[in-house]
């Protein structure tokens, strides 16, 4: 990018709050957010906009192709996808954030709360995330 434009990274709340049993995923999101934060500063003089978007849970077919730790299809989502934002809605929010040249976009209220809580009360978030993740079907945390 030589001059102007936007760079958008699709990240996750897992880039703010680490997810147990998903350490590789969380690490990649933390790294990507750090990279994009530095890129934003490096591109200031070129007027390049950098957005980190964290859409939260989005209704999609990803679980049909996602693999569990045994390498088998994950199958059904542990969440009610009927209550999730569609991919099209998510895209509209991201486009608006680009138009407004926002730095960060966290789409879900649950995500915004998790980021805020993790900043001020990280020990509480650690315990809360653990309790939630241990209840997931086939959670490796339940076997510890």
Protein backbone atom coordinates (compact mmCIF):
# COMPACT_ATOMS: atom_id res chain seq x y z
CA UNK A 1 0.00 0.00 0.00
CA UNK A 2 1.62 3.19 -1.12
CA UNK A 3 -0.99 5.81 -0.24
CA UNK A 4 -4.43 5.79 1.40
CA UNK A 5 -6.83 2.85 1.50
CA UNK A 6 -7.80 0.50 4.31
CA UNK A 7 -6.42 -2.70 5.78
CA UNK A 8 -8.95 -4.83 7.66
CA UNK A 9 -8.03 -7.74 9.90
CA UNK A 10 -10.81 -10.09 10.97
CA UNK A 11 -9.92 -11.07 14.49
CA UNK A 12 -11.75 -12.36 17.53
CA UNK A 13 -12.40 -11.65 21.16
CA UNK A 14 -9.90 -14.49 21.60
CA UNK A 15 -7.29 -11.87 20.65
CA UNK A 16 -8.17 -10.03 23.88
CA UNK A 17 -9.19 -12.91 26.14
CA UNK A 18 -7.34 -16.20 25.74
CA UNK A 19 -9.50 -19.28 25.27
CA UNK A 20 -8.41 -22.47 27.02
CA UNK A 21 -8.16 -25.49 24.70
CA UNK A 22 -7.83 -23.01 21.83
CA UNK A 23 -4.36 -21.69 22.60
CA UNK A 24 -3.13 -21.72 18.99
CA UNK A 25 -6.20 -19.82 17.81
CA UNK A 26 -5.93 -17.28 20.63
CA UNK A 27 -2.20 -16.79 20.07
CA UNK A 28 -2.74 -16.16 16.35
CA UNK A 29 -5.40 -13.52 17.11
CA UNK A 30 -3.24 -11.77 19.74
CA UNK A 31 -0.36 -11.73 17.22
CA UNK A 32 -2.51 -10.43 14.39
CA UNK A 33 -3.91 -7.62 16.53
CA UNK A 34 -0.41 -6.62 17.61
CA UNK A 35 0.78 -6.66 14.01
CA UNK A 36 -2.15 -4.51 12.86
CA UNK A 37 -1.67 -2.05 15.73
CA UNK A 38 1.95 -1.55 14.66
CA UNK A 39 0.99 -1.36 10.98
CA UNK A 40 -1.50 1.41 11.85
CA UNK A 41 1.31 3.50 13.34
CA UNK A 42 3.72 2.74 10.48
CA UNK A 43 1.11 3.85 7.93
CA UNK A 44 0.04 7.09 9.65
CA UNK A 45 1.91 9.37 7.23
CA UNK A 46 0.49 7.48 4.24
CA UNK A 47 -3.08 7.95 5.45
CA UNK A 48 -3.71 4.19 5.43
CA UNK A 49 -6.58 3.19 7.69
CA UNK A 50 -6.19 -0.04 9.71
CA UNK A 51 -9.22 -1.72 11.30
CA UNK A 52 -9.24 -4.72 13.63
CA UNK A 53 -12.73 -6.25 13.47
CA UNK A 54 -13.93 -8.76 16.06
CA UNK A 55 -17.33 -9.90 14.83
CA UNK A 56 -18.05 -12.38 17.59
CA UNK A 57 -20.04 -15.51 16.89
CA UNK A 58 -21.43 -15.40 13.36
CA UNK A 59 -23.88 -17.88 11.88
CA UNK A 60 -21.96 -19.90 9.30
CA UNK A 61 -21.20 -23.43 8.22
CA UNK A 62 -17.68 -23.35 9.70
CA UNK A 63 -18.50 -26.12 12.15
CA UNK A 64 -19.25 -28.42 9.24
CA UNK A 65 -15.57 -28.26 8.24
CA UNK A 66 -13.89 -27.41 11.57
CA UNK A 67 -12.04 -30.30 13.17
CA UNK A 68 -11.87 -31.21 16.84
CA UNK A 69 -8.67 -32.29 18.64
CA UNK A 70 -9.07 -35.85 17.27
CA UNK A 71 -9.19 -34.52 13.71
CA UNK A 72 -12.89 -35.32 13.32
CA UNK A 73 -15.57 -32.85 12.18
CA UNK A 74 -16.82 -30.73 15.07
CA UNK A 75 -20.39 -31.11 13.87
CA UNK A 76 -23.12 -29.24 15.69
CA UNK A 77 -22.42 -25.85 17.18
CA UNK A 78 -22.52 -25.68 20.97
CA UNK A 79 -24.25 -22.30 20.52
CA UNK A 80 -27.67 -21.34 19.19
CA UNK A 81 -26.77 -20.06 15.73
CA UNK A 82 -30.31 -18.75 15.24
CA UNK A 83 -29.46 -15.91 17.64
CA UNK A 84 -26.17 -15.07 15.90
CA UNK A 85 -25.53 -12.29 13.43
CA UNK A 86 -25.46 -13.44 9.81
CA UNK A 87 -22.33 -13.09 7.70
CA UNK A 88 -24.12 -10.40 5.65
CA UNK A 89 -24.97 -8.35 8.75
CA UNK A 90 -21.40 -8.70 9.96
CA UNK A 91 -20.09 -7.48 6.59
CA UNK A 92 -22.37 -4.41 6.71
CA UNK A 93 -21.05 -3.47 10.17
CA UNK A 94 -17.46 -3.88 8.98
CA UNK A 95 -18.12 -1.72 5.89
CA UNK A 96 -19.57 1.03 8.10
CA UNK A 97 -16.52 0.83 10.38
CA UNK A 98 -14.27 1.23 7.33
CA UNK A 99 -16.27 4.27 6.17
CA UNK A 100 -15.93 5.80 9.66
CA UNK A 101 -12.23 4.84 9.76
CA UNK A 102 -12.58 3.12 13.11
CA UNK A 103 -9.54 1.45 14.67
CA UNK A 104 -11.38 -1.36 16.44
CA UNK A 105 -14.79 -2.95 15.97
CA UNK A 106 -16.24 -5.35 18.51
CA UNK A 107 -19.71 -6.29 17.32
CA UNK A 108 -21.26 -8.20 20.19
CA UNK A 109 -22.23 -6.83 23.57
CA UNK A 110 -20.85 -10.02 25.09
CA UNK A 111 -17.52 -9.32 23.37
CA UNK A 112 -17.36 -5.68 24.49
CA UNK A 113 -18.12 -6.77 28.05
CA UNK A 114 -15.45 -9.50 27.94
CA UNK A 115 -12.79 -7.05 26.70
CA UNK A 116 -13.70 -4.46 29.33
CA UNK A 117 -13.87 -7.02 32.14
CA UNK A 118 -10.55 -8.56 31.11
CA UNK A 119 -8.90 -5.15 31.26
CA UNK A 120 -10.10 -4.38 34.80
CA UNK A 121 -10.89 -7.80 36.34
CA UNK A 122 -8.73 -10.40 34.57
CA UNK A 123 -8.89 -13.04 37.32
CA UNK A 124 -12.69 -13.02 37.24
CA UNK A 125 -12.64 -13.39 33.46
CA UNK A 126 -10.15 -16.28 33.68
CA UNK A 127 -12.47 -18.21 35.99
CA UNK A 128 -15.57 -17.34 33.98
CA UNK A 129 -14.01 -18.41 30.67
CA UNK A 130 -12.79 -21.65 32.22
CA UNK A 131 -16.24 -22.47 33.61
CA UNK A 132 -17.83 -21.81 30.22
CA UNK A 133 -15.27 -23.74 28.18
CA UNK A 134 -15.24 -26.79 30.46
CA UNK A 135 -18.96 -27.27 29.71
CA UNK A 136 -18.45 -27.49 25.93
CA UNK A 137 -19.12 -30.91 24.42
CA UNK A 138 -15.90 -32.96 24.29
CA UNK A 139 -13.97 -30.25 26.15
CA UNK A 140 -10.41 -31.38 26.93
CA UNK A 141 -10.69 -29.29 30.11
CA UNK A 142 -13.31 -31.69 31.47
CA UNK A 143 -10.75 -34.52 31.34
CA UNK A 144 -8.17 -32.77 33.53
